[in-house]
Amino acid sequence: QAFDRWLAAERDVMSDCHACSRNQEGGWHLQLGD
């Protein structure tokens, strides 16, 4: 649920860079075995 809210939220200056965000996004999929 938090993952969906995170990706749906508007990015701003407090957002991690796109590269770091992609790292975490991929890590979540990996945790789910995908």
PDB file of all heavy atoms in Angstrom:
ATOM      1  N   GLN A   1       0.831  -1.211   0.000  1.00  0.00           N
ATOM      2  CA  GLN A   1       0.000   0.000   0.000  1.00  0.00           C
ATOM      3  C   GLN A   1       0.865   1.260   0.000  1.00  0.00           C
ATOM      4  O   GLN A   1       0.595   2.217  -0.735  1.00  0.00           O
ATOM      5  CB  GLN A   1      -0.922  -0.017   1.209  1.00  0.00           C
ATOM      6  CG  GLN A   1      -1.972  -1.114   1.161  1.00  0.00           C
ATOM      7  CD  GLN A   1      -2.706  -1.296   2.481  1.00  0.00           C
ATOM      8  OE1 GLN A   1      -2.465  -0.558   3.447  1.00  0.00           O
ATOM      9  NE2 GLN A   1      -3.600  -2.273   2.541  1.00  0.00           N
ATOM     10  N   ALA A   2       1.910   1.255   0.839  1.00  0.00           N
ATOM     11  CA  ALA A   2       2.812   2.410   0.885  1.00  0.00           C
ATOM     12  C   ALA A   2       3.558   2.565  -0.438  1.00  0.00           C
ATOM     13  O   ALA A   2       3.813   3.689  -0.888  1.00  0.00           O
ATOM     14  CB  ALA A   2       3.799   2.262   2.042  1.00  0.00           C
ATOM     15  N   PHE A   3       3.912   1.447  -1.053  1.00  0.00           N
ATOM     16  CA  PHE A   3       4.599   1.471  -2.349  1.00  0.00           C
ATOM     17  C   PHE A   3       3.725   2.155  -3.393  1.00  0.00           C
ATOM     18  O   PHE A   3       4.202   3.015  -4.154  1.00  0.00           O
ATOM     19  CB  PHE A   3       4.917   0.036  -2.775  1.00  0.00           C
ATOM     20  CG  PHE A   3       5.640  -0.082  -4.088  1.00  0.00           C
ATOM     21  CD1 PHE A   3       7.016   0.080  -4.165  1.00  0.00           C
ATOM     22  CD2 PHE A   3       4.945  -0.361  -5.254  1.00  0.00           C
ATOM     23  CE1 PHE A   3       7.689  -0.036  -5.381  1.00  0.00           C
ATOM     24  CE2 PHE A   3       5.604  -0.477  -6.472  1.00  0.00           C
ATOM     25  CZ  PHE A   3       6.983  -0.318  -6.530  1.00  0.00           C
ATOM     26  N   ASP A   4       2.441   1.800  -3.430  1.00  0.00           N
ATOM     27  CA  ASP A   4       1.524   2.417  -4.400  1.00  0.00           C
ATOM     28  C   ASP A   4       1.364   3.911  -4.122  1.00  0.00           C
ATOM     29  O   ASP A   4       1.347   4.725  -5.063  1.00  0.00           O
ATOM     30  CB  ASP A   4       0.169   1.720  -4.346  1.00  0.00           C
ATOM     31  CG  ASP A   4       0.231   0.285  -4.865  1.00  0.00           C
ATOM     32  OD1 ASP A   4       1.187  -0.043  -5.591  1.00  0.00           O
ATOM     33  OD2 ASP A   4      -0.675  -0.506  -4.527  1.00  0.00           O
ATOM     34  N   ARG A   5       1.242   4.287  -2.840  1.00  0.00           N
ATOM     35  CA  ARG A   5       1.131   5.721  -2.502  1.00  0.00           C
ATOM     36  C   ARG A   5       2.401   6.459  -2.890  1.00  0.00           C
ATOM     37  O   ARG A   5       2.339   7.609  -3.354  1.00  0.00           O
ATOM     38  CB  ARG A   5       0.875   5.882  -1.000  1.00  0.00           C
ATOM     39  CG  ARG A   5      -0.471   5.381  -0.528  1.00  0.00           C
ATOM     40  CD  ARG A   5      -0.801   5.924   0.865  1.00  0.00           C
ATOM     41  NE  ARG A   5       0.220   5.560   1.844  1.00  0.00           N
ATOM     42  CZ  ARG A   5       0.184   4.471   2.585  1.00  0.00           C
ATOM     43  NH1 ARG A   5      -0.814   3.600   2.453  1.00  0.00           N
ATOM     44  NH2 ARG A   5       1.143   4.222   3.472  1.00  0.00           N
ATOM     45  N   TRP A   6       3.530   5.823  -2.681  1.00  0.00           N
ATOM     46  CA  TRP A   6       4.829   6.429  -2.998  1.00  0.00           C
ATOM     47  C   TRP A   6       4.927   6.744  -4.485  1.00  0.00           C
ATOM     48  O   TRP A   6       5.243   7.876  -4.875  1.00  0.00           O
ATOM     49  CB  TRP A   6       5.930   5.471  -2.541  1.00  0.00           C
ATOM     50  CG  TRP A   6       7.310   5.814  -2.997  1.00  0.00           C
ATOM     51  CD1 TRP A   6       7.891   7.042  -3.011  1.00  0.00           C
ATOM     52  CD2 TRP A   6       8.290   4.903  -3.522  1.00  0.00           C
ATOM     53  NE1 TRP A   6       9.188   6.965  -3.499  1.00  0.00           N
ATOM     54  CE2 TRP A   6       9.447   5.656  -3.815  1.00  0.00           C
ATOM     55  CE3 TRP A   6       8.295   3.532  -3.745  1.00  0.00           C
ATOM     56  CZ2 TRP A   6      10.603   5.076  -4.339  1.00  0.00           C
ATOM     57  CZ3 TRP A   6       9.456   2.949  -4.259  1.00  0.00           C
ATOM     58  CH2 TRP A   6      10.588   3.718  -4.558  1.00  0.00           C
ATOM     59  N   LEU A   7       4.642   5.751  -5.342  1.00  0.00           N
ATOM     60  CA  LEU A   7       4.785   5.969  -6.781  1.00  0.00           C
ATOM     61  C   LEU A   7       3.739   6.934  -7.326  1.00  0.00           C
ATOM     62  O   LEU A   7       3.964   7.589  -8.343  1.00  0.00           O
ATOM     63  CB  LEU A   7       4.706   4.633  -7.523  1.00  0.00           C
ATOM     64  CG  LEU A   7       5.854   3.644  -7.277  1.00  0.00           C
ATOM     65  CD1 LEU A   7       5.752   2.482  -8.259  1.00  0.00           C
ATOM     66  CD2 LEU A   7       7.222   4.315  -7.413  1.00  0.00           C
ATOM     67  N   ALA A   8       2.598   7.022  -6.622  1.00  0.00           N
ATOM     68  CA  ALA A   8       1.537   7.928  -7.086  1.00  0.00           C
ATOM     69  C   ALA A   8       1.753   9.363  -6.637  1.00  0.00           C
ATOM     70  O   ALA A   8       1.164  10.291  -7.205  1.00  0.00           O
ATOM     71  CB  ALA A   8       0.177   7.427  -6.577  1.00  0.00           C
ATOM     72  N   ALA A   9       2.615   9.571  -5.628  1.00  0.00           N
ATOM     73  CA  ALA A   9       2.814  10.915  -5.085  1.00  0.00           C
ATOM     74  C   ALA A   9       3.643  11.774  -6.041  1.00  0.00           C
ATOM     75  O   ALA A   9       4.404  11.274  -6.871  1.00  0.00           O
ATOM     76  CB  ALA A   9       3.507  10.827  -3.730  1.00  0.00           C
ATOM     77  N   GLU A  10       3.469  13.063  -5.898  1.00  0.00           N
ATOM     78  CA  GLU A  10       4.214  14.013  -6.728  1.00  0.00           C
ATOM     79  C   GLU A  10       5.653  14.129  -6.229  1.00  0.00           C
ATOM     80  O   GLU A  10       5.911  14.277  -5.032  1.00  0.00           O
ATOM     81  CB  GLU A  10       3.547  15.377  -6.674  1.00  0.00           C
ATOM     82  CG  GLU A  10       4.239  16.450  -7.518  1.00  0.00           C
ATOM     83  CD  GLU A  10       3.599  17.813  -7.355  1.00  0.00           C
ATOM     84  OE1 GLU A  10       2.564  17.905  -6.664  1.00  0.00           O
ATOM     85  OE2 GLU A  10       4.149  18.782  -7.913  1.00  0.00           O
ATOM     86  N   ARG A  11       6.603  14.044  -7.123  1.00  0.00           N
ATOM     87  CA  ARG A  11       8.002  14.218  -6.764  1.00  0.00           C
ATOM     88  C   ARG A  11       8.289  15.693  -6.469  1.00  0.00           C
ATOM     89  O   ARG A  11       7.657  16.581  -7.040  1.00  0.00           O
ATOM     90  CB  ARG A  11       8.927  13.747  -7.892  1.00  0.00           C
ATOM     91  CG  ARG A  11       8.892  12.239  -8.147  1.00  0.00           C
ATOM     92  CD  ARG A  11       9.867  11.872  -9.262  1.00  0.00           C
ATOM     93  NE  ARG A  11      11.241  12.250  -8.892  1.00  0.00           N
ATOM     94  CZ  ARG A  11      12.092  11.445  -8.261  1.00  0.00           C
ATOM     95  NH1 ARG A  11      11.723  10.224  -7.925  1.00  0.00           N
ATOM     96  NH2 ARG A  11      13.308  11.853  -7.972  1.00  0.00           N
ATOM     97  N   ASP A  12       9.273  15.925  -5.577  1.00  0.00           N
ATOM     98  CA  ASP A  12       9.708  17.290  -5.300  1.00  0.00           C
ATOM     99  C   ASP A  12      11.175  17.252  -4.887  1.00  0.00           C
ATOM    100  O   ASP A  12      11.862  16.237  -5.072  1.00  0.00           O
ATOM    101  CB  ASP A  12       8.823  17.940  -4.235  1.00  0.00           C
ATOM    102  CG  ASP A  12       8.933  17.284  -2.861  1.00  0.00           C
ATOM    103  OD1 ASP A  12       9.683  16.291  -2.728  1.00  0.00           O
ATOM    104  OD2 ASP A  12       8.279  17.749  -1.916  1.00  0.00           O
ATOM    105  N   VAL A  13      11.675  18.332  -4.323  1.00  0.00           N
ATOM    106  CA  VAL A  13      13.103  18.408  -4.000  1.00  0.00           C
ATOM    107  C   VAL A  13      13.507  17.451  -2.883  1.00  0.00           C
ATOM    108  O   VAL A  13      14.695  17.199  -2.683  1.00  0.00           O
ATOM    109  CB  VAL A  13      13.507  19.846  -3.607  1.00  0.00           C
ATOM    110  CG1 VAL A  13      13.351  20.780  -4.787  1.00  0.00           C
ATOM    111  CG2 VAL A  13      12.699  20.338  -2.410  1.00  0.00           C
ATOM    112  N   MET A  14      12.542  16.912  -2.135  1.00  0.00           N
ATOM    113  CA  MET A  14      12.858  15.957  -1.078  1.00  0.00           C
ATOM    114  C   MET A  14      12.869  14.515  -1.582  1.00  0.00           C
ATOM    115  O   MET A  14      13.159  13.593  -0.827  1.00  0.00           O
ATOM    116  CB  MET A  14      11.841  16.077   0.068  1.00  0.00           C
ATOM    117  CG  MET A  14      12.041  17.296   0.950  1.00  0.00           C
ATOM    118  SD  MET A  14      13.631  17.274   1.818  1.00  0.00           S
ATOM    119  CE  MET A  14      14.411  18.723   1.085  1.00  0.00           C
ATOM    120  N   SER A  15      12.556  14.321  -2.841  1.00  0.00           N
ATOM    121  CA  SER A  15      12.543  12.975  -3.405  1.00  0.00           C
ATOM    122  C   SER A  15      13.964  12.494  -3.666  1.00  0.00           C
ATOM    123  O   SER A  15      14.823  13.278  -4.087  1.00  0.00           O
ATOM    124  CB  SER A  15      11.758  12.956  -4.723  1.00  0.00           C
ATOM    125  OG  SER A  15      10.449  13.449  -4.541  1.00  0.00           O
ATOM    126  N   ASP A  16      14.216  11.221  -3.418  1.00  0.00           N
ATOM    127  CA  ASP A  16      15.479  10.640  -3.837  1.00  0.00           C
ATOM    128  C   ASP A  16      15.608  10.790  -5.346  1.00  0.00           C
ATOM    129  O   ASP A  16      14.589  10.918  -6.059  1.00  0.00           O
ATOM    130  CB  ASP A  16      15.543   9.152  -3.475  1.00  0.00           C
ATOM    131  CG  ASP A  16      15.821   8.926  -2.001  1.00  0.00           C
ATOM    132  OD1 ASP A  16      16.180   9.890  -1.300  1.00  0.00           O
ATOM    133  OD2 ASP A  16      15.673   7.780  -1.538  1.00  0.00           O
ATOM    134  N   CYS A  17      16.828  10.753  -5.841  1.00  0.00           N
ATOM    135  CA  CYS A  17      17.023  10.868  -7.283  1.00  0.00           C
ATOM    136  C   CYS A  17      16.357   9.680  -7.982  1.00  0.00           C
ATOM    137  O   CYS A  17      16.052   8.652  -7.365  1.00  0.00           O
ATOM    138  CB  CYS A  17      18.509  10.944  -7.624  1.00  0.00           C
ATOM    139  SG  CYS A  17      19.386   9.368  -7.500  1.00  0.00           S
ATOM    140  N   HIS A  18      16.137   9.804  -9.266  1.00  0.00           N
ATOM    141  CA  HIS A  18      15.465   8.745 -10.024  1.00  0.00           C
ATOM    142  C   HIS A  18      16.234   7.427  -9.959  1.00  0.00           C
ATOM    143  O   HIS A  18      15.621   6.349  -9.908  1.00  0.00           O
ATOM    144  CB  HIS A  18      15.277   9.187 -11.472  1.00  0.00           C
ATOM    145  CG  HIS A  18      14.243  10.252 -11.658  1.00  0.00           C
ATOM    146  ND1 HIS A  18      12.890   9.985 -11.673  1.00  0.00           N
ATOM    147  CD2 HIS A  18      14.367  11.598 -11.821  1.00  0.00           C
ATOM    148  CE1 HIS A  18      12.214  11.110 -11.849  1.00  0.00           C
ATOM    149  NE2 HIS A  18      13.082  12.108 -11.941  1.00  0.00           N
ATOM    150  N   ALA A  19      17.568   7.494  -9.954  1.00  0.00           N
ATOM    151  CA  ALA A  19      18.364   6.261  -9.913  1.00  0.00           C
ATOM    152  C   ALA A  19      18.157   5.524  -8.594  1.00  0.00           C
ATOM    153  O   ALA A  19      17.948   4.306  -8.571  1.00  0.00           O
ATOM    154  CB  ALA A  19      19.841   6.589 -10.117  1.00  0.00           C
ATOM    155  N   CYS A  20      18.211   6.256  -7.482  1.00  0.00           N
ATOM    156  CA  CYS A  20      18.013   5.625  -6.175  1.00  0.00           C
ATOM    157  C   CYS A  20      16.586   5.103  -6.031  1.00  0.00           C
ATOM    158  O   CYS A  20      16.352   4.039  -5.442  1.00  0.00           O
ATOM    159  CB  CYS A  20      18.324   6.614  -5.059  1.00  0.00           C
ATOM    160  SG  CYS A  20      20.085   6.983  -4.872  1.00  0.00           S
ATOM    161  N   SER A  21      15.616   5.846  -6.560  1.00  0.00           N
ATOM    162  CA  SER A  21      14.229   5.396  -6.493  1.00  0.00           C
ATOM    163  C   SER A  21      14.043   4.102  -7.275  1.00  0.00           C
ATOM    164  O   SER A  21      13.334   3.186  -6.828  1.00  0.00           O
ATOM    165  CB  SER A  21      13.291   6.480  -7.039  1.00  0.00           C
ATOM    166  OG  SER A  21      13.311   7.634  -6.212  1.00  0.00           O
ATOM    167  N   ARG A  22      14.688   3.999  -8.437  1.00  0.00           N
ATOM    168  CA  ARG A  22      14.596   2.770  -9.214  1.00  0.00           C
ATOM    169  C   ARG A  22      15.254   1.597  -8.477  1.00  0.00           C
ATOM    170  O   ARG A  22      14.791   0.454  -8.569  1.00  0.00           O
ATOM    171  CB  ARG A  22      15.243   2.963 -10.585  1.00  0.00           C
ATOM    172  CG  ARG A  22      14.411   3.762 -11.564  1.00  0.00           C
ATOM    173  CD  ARG A  22      13.028   3.114 -11.790  1.00  0.00           C
ATOM    174  NE  ARG A  22      12.286   3.770 -12.840  1.00  0.00           N
ATOM    175  CZ  ARG A  22      12.136   3.303 -14.078  1.00  0.00           C
ATOM    176  NH1 ARG A  22      12.701   2.139 -14.407  1.00  0.00           N
ATOM    177  NH2 ARG A  22      11.429   3.961 -14.959  1.00  0.00           N
ATOM    178  N   ASN A  23      16.326   1.871  -7.751  1.00  0.00           N
ATOM    179  CA  ASN A  23      16.961   0.830  -6.944  1.00  0.00           C
ATOM    180  C   ASN A  23      15.951   0.256  -5.965  1.00  0.00           C
ATOM    181  O   ASN A  23      15.768  -0.960  -5.873  1.00  0.00           O
ATOM    182  CB  ASN A  23      18.170   1.412  -6.203  1.00  0.00           C
ATOM    183  CG  ASN A  23      18.886   0.380  -5.340  1.00  0.00           C
ATOM    184  OD1 ASN A  23      18.416  -0.734  -5.132  1.00  0.00           O
ATOM    185  ND2 ASN A  23      20.028   0.765  -4.816  1.00  0.00           N
ATOM    186  N   GLN A  24      15.286   1.135  -5.230  1.00  0.00           N
ATOM    187  CA  GLN A  24      14.334   0.670  -4.230  1.00  0.00           C
ATOM    188  C   GLN A  24      13.118   0.004  -4.869  1.00  0.00           C
ATOM    189  O   GLN A  24      12.605  -0.997  -4.363  1.00  0.00           O
ATOM    190  CB  GLN A  24      13.878   1.828  -3.344  1.00  0.00           C
ATOM    191  CG  GLN A  24      12.990   1.383  -2.186  1.00  0.00           C
ATOM    192  CD  GLN A  24      12.777   2.484  -1.170  1.00  0.00           C
ATOM    193  OE1 GLN A  24      13.535   3.449  -1.109  1.00  0.00           O
ATOM    194  NE2 GLN A  24      11.738   2.345  -0.372  1.00  0.00           N
ATOM    195  N   GLU A  25      12.669   0.549  -5.979  1.00  0.00           N
ATOM    196  CA  GLU A  25      11.523  -0.041  -6.673  1.00  0.00           C
ATOM    197  C   GLU A  25      11.840  -1.482  -7.090  1.00  0.00           C
ATOM    198  O   GLU A  25      11.042  -2.400  -6.880  1.00  0.00           O
ATOM    199  CB  GLU A  25      11.172   0.810  -7.895  1.00  0.00           C
ATOM    200  CG  GLU A  25       9.929   0.358  -8.630  1.00  0.00           C
ATOM    201  CD  GLU A  25       9.599   1.258  -9.817  1.00  0.00           C
ATOM    202  OE1 GLU A  25      10.082   2.408  -9.851  1.00  0.00           O
ATOM    203  OE2 GLU A  25       8.863   0.798 -10.705  1.00  0.00           O
ATOM    204  N   GLY A  26      13.014  -1.670  -7.673  1.00  0.00           N
ATOM    205  CA  GLY A  26      13.412  -3.019  -8.061  1.00  0.00           C
ATOM    206  C   GLY A  26      13.581  -3.938  -6.865  1.00  0.00           C
ATOM    207  O   GLY A  26      13.260  -5.125  -6.921  1.00  0.00           O
ATOM    208  N   GLY A  27      14.086  -3.378  -5.767  1.00  0.00           N
ATOM    209  CA  GLY A  27      14.250  -4.172  -4.552  1.00  0.00           C
ATOM    210  C   GLY A  27      12.935  -4.703  -4.023  1.00  0.00           C
ATOM    211  O   GLY A  27      12.865  -5.821  -3.494  1.00  0.00           O
ATOM    212  N   TRP A  28      11.863  -3.907  -4.144  1.00  0.00           N
ATOM    213  CA  TRP A  28      10.546  -4.359  -3.701  1.00  0.00           C
ATOM    214  C   TRP A  28      10.064  -5.532  -4.556  1.00  0.00           C
ATOM    215  O   TRP A  28       9.573  -6.543  -4.046  1.00  0.00           O
ATOM    216  CB  TRP A  28       9.551  -3.207  -3.755  1.00  0.00           C
ATOM    217  CG  TRP A  28       8.126  -3.593  -3.538  1.00  0.00           C
ATOM    218  CD1 TRP A  28       7.077  -3.392  -4.391  1.00  0.00           C
ATOM    219  CD2 TRP A  28       7.553  -4.229  -2.380  1.00  0.00           C
ATOM    220  NE1 TRP A  28       5.909  -3.865  -3.853  1.00  0.00           N
ATOM    221  CE2 TRP A  28       6.173  -4.391  -2.608  1.00  0.00           C
ATOM    222  CE3 TRP A  28       8.095  -4.685  -1.180  1.00  0.00           C
ATOM    223  CZ2 TRP A  28       5.317  -4.979  -1.694  1.00  0.00           C
ATOM    224  CZ3 TRP A  28       7.240  -5.282  -0.250  1.00  0.00           C
ATOM    225  CH2 TRP A  28       5.871  -5.421  -0.509  1.00  0.00           C
ATOM    226  N   HIS A  29      10.230  -5.418  -5.874  1.00  0.00           N
ATOM    227  CA  HIS A  29       9.841  -6.520  -6.752  1.00  0.00           C
ATOM    228  C   HIS A  29      10.658  -7.773  -6.437  1.00  0.00           C
ATOM    229  O   HIS A  29      10.127  -8.895  -6.468  1.00  0.00           O
ATOM    230  CB  HIS A  29      10.013  -6.120  -8.211  1.00  0.00           C
ATOM    231  CG  HIS A  29       9.070  -5.045  -8.664  1.00  0.00           C
ATOM    232  ND1 HIS A  29       7.703  -5.146  -8.547  1.00  0.00           N
ATOM    233  CD2 HIS A  29       9.314  -3.826  -9.232  1.00  0.00           C
ATOM    234  CE1 HIS A  29       7.129  -4.053  -9.032  1.00  0.00           C
ATOM    235  NE2 HIS A  29       8.086  -3.239  -9.445  1.00  0.00           N
ATOM    236  N   LEU A  30      11.927  -7.570  -6.126  1.00  0.00           N
ATOM    237  CA  LEU A  30      12.780  -8.706  -5.786  1.00  0.00           C
ATOM    238  C   LEU A  30      12.298  -9.365  -4.495  1.00  0.00           C
ATOM    239  O   LEU A  30      12.284 -10.593  -4.383  1.00  0.00           O
ATOM    240  CB  LEU A  30      14.232  -8.239  -5.626  1.00  0.00           C
ATOM    241  CG  LEU A  30      15.295  -9.337  -5.496  1.00  0.00           C
ATOM    242  CD1 LEU A  30      15.361 -10.170  -6.768  1.00  0.00           C
ATOM    243  CD2 LEU A  30      16.651  -8.709  -5.211  1.00  0.00           C
ATOM    244  N   GLN A  31      11.888  -8.570  -3.525  1.00  0.00           N
ATOM    245  CA  GLN A  31      11.370  -9.110  -2.269  1.00  0.00           C
ATOM    246  C   GLN A  31      10.117  -9.954  -2.519  1.00  0.00           C
ATOM    247  O   GLN A  31       9.871 -10.939  -1.809  1.00  0.00           O
ATOM    248  CB  GLN A  31      11.056  -7.978  -1.294  1.00  0.00           C
ATOM    249  CG  GLN A  31      10.639  -8.455   0.097  1.00  0.00           C
ATOM    250  CD  GLN A  31      10.475  -7.304   1.075  1.00  0.00           C
ATOM    251  OE1 GLN A  31      10.810  -6.160   0.767  1.00  0.00           O
ATOM    252  NE2 GLN A  31       9.979  -7.594   2.270  1.00  0.00           N
ATOM    253  N   LEU A  32       9.349  -9.590  -3.527  1.00  0.00           N
ATOM    254  CA  LEU A  32       8.144 -10.335  -3.874  1.00  0.00           C
ATOM    255  C   LEU A  32       8.458 -11.542  -4.758  1.00  0.00           C
ATOM    256  O   LEU A  32       7.539 -12.288  -5.124  1.00  0.00           O
ATOM    257  CB  LEU A  32       7.147  -9.423  -4.590  1.00  0.00           C
ATOM    258  CG  LEU A  32       6.597  -8.248  -3.770  1.00  0.00           C
ATOM    259  CD1 LEU A  32       5.666  -7.394  -4.630  1.00  0.00           C
ATOM    260  CD2 LEU A  32       5.867  -8.740  -2.527  1.00  0.00           C
ATOM    261  N   GLY A  33       9.741 -11.722  -5.128  1.00  0.00           N
ATOM    262  CA  GLY A  33      10.126 -12.867  -5.939  1.00  0.00           C
ATOM    263  C   GLY A  33       9.920 -12.677  -7.424  1.00  0.00           C
ATOM    264  O   GLY A  33       9.892 -13.663  -8.176  1.00  0.00           O
ATOM    265  N   ASP A  34       9.784 -11.436  -7.878  1.00  0.00           N
ATOM    266  CA  ASP A  34       9.522 -11.150  -9.294  1.00  0.00           C
ATOM    267  C   ASP A  34      10.792 -10.604  -9.942  1.00  0.00           C
ATOM    268  O   ASP A  34      10.984  -9.384 -10.047  1.00  0.00           O
ATOM    269  CB  ASP A  34       8.376 -10.142  -9.399  1.00  0.00           C
ATOM    270  CG  ASP A  34       7.842 -10.006 -10.828  1.00  0.00           C
ATOM    271  OD1 ASP A  34       8.558 -10.375 -11.765  1.00  0.00           O
ATOM    272  OD2 ASP A  34       6.707  -9.509 -10.985  1.00  0.00           O
TER     273      ASP A  34
END
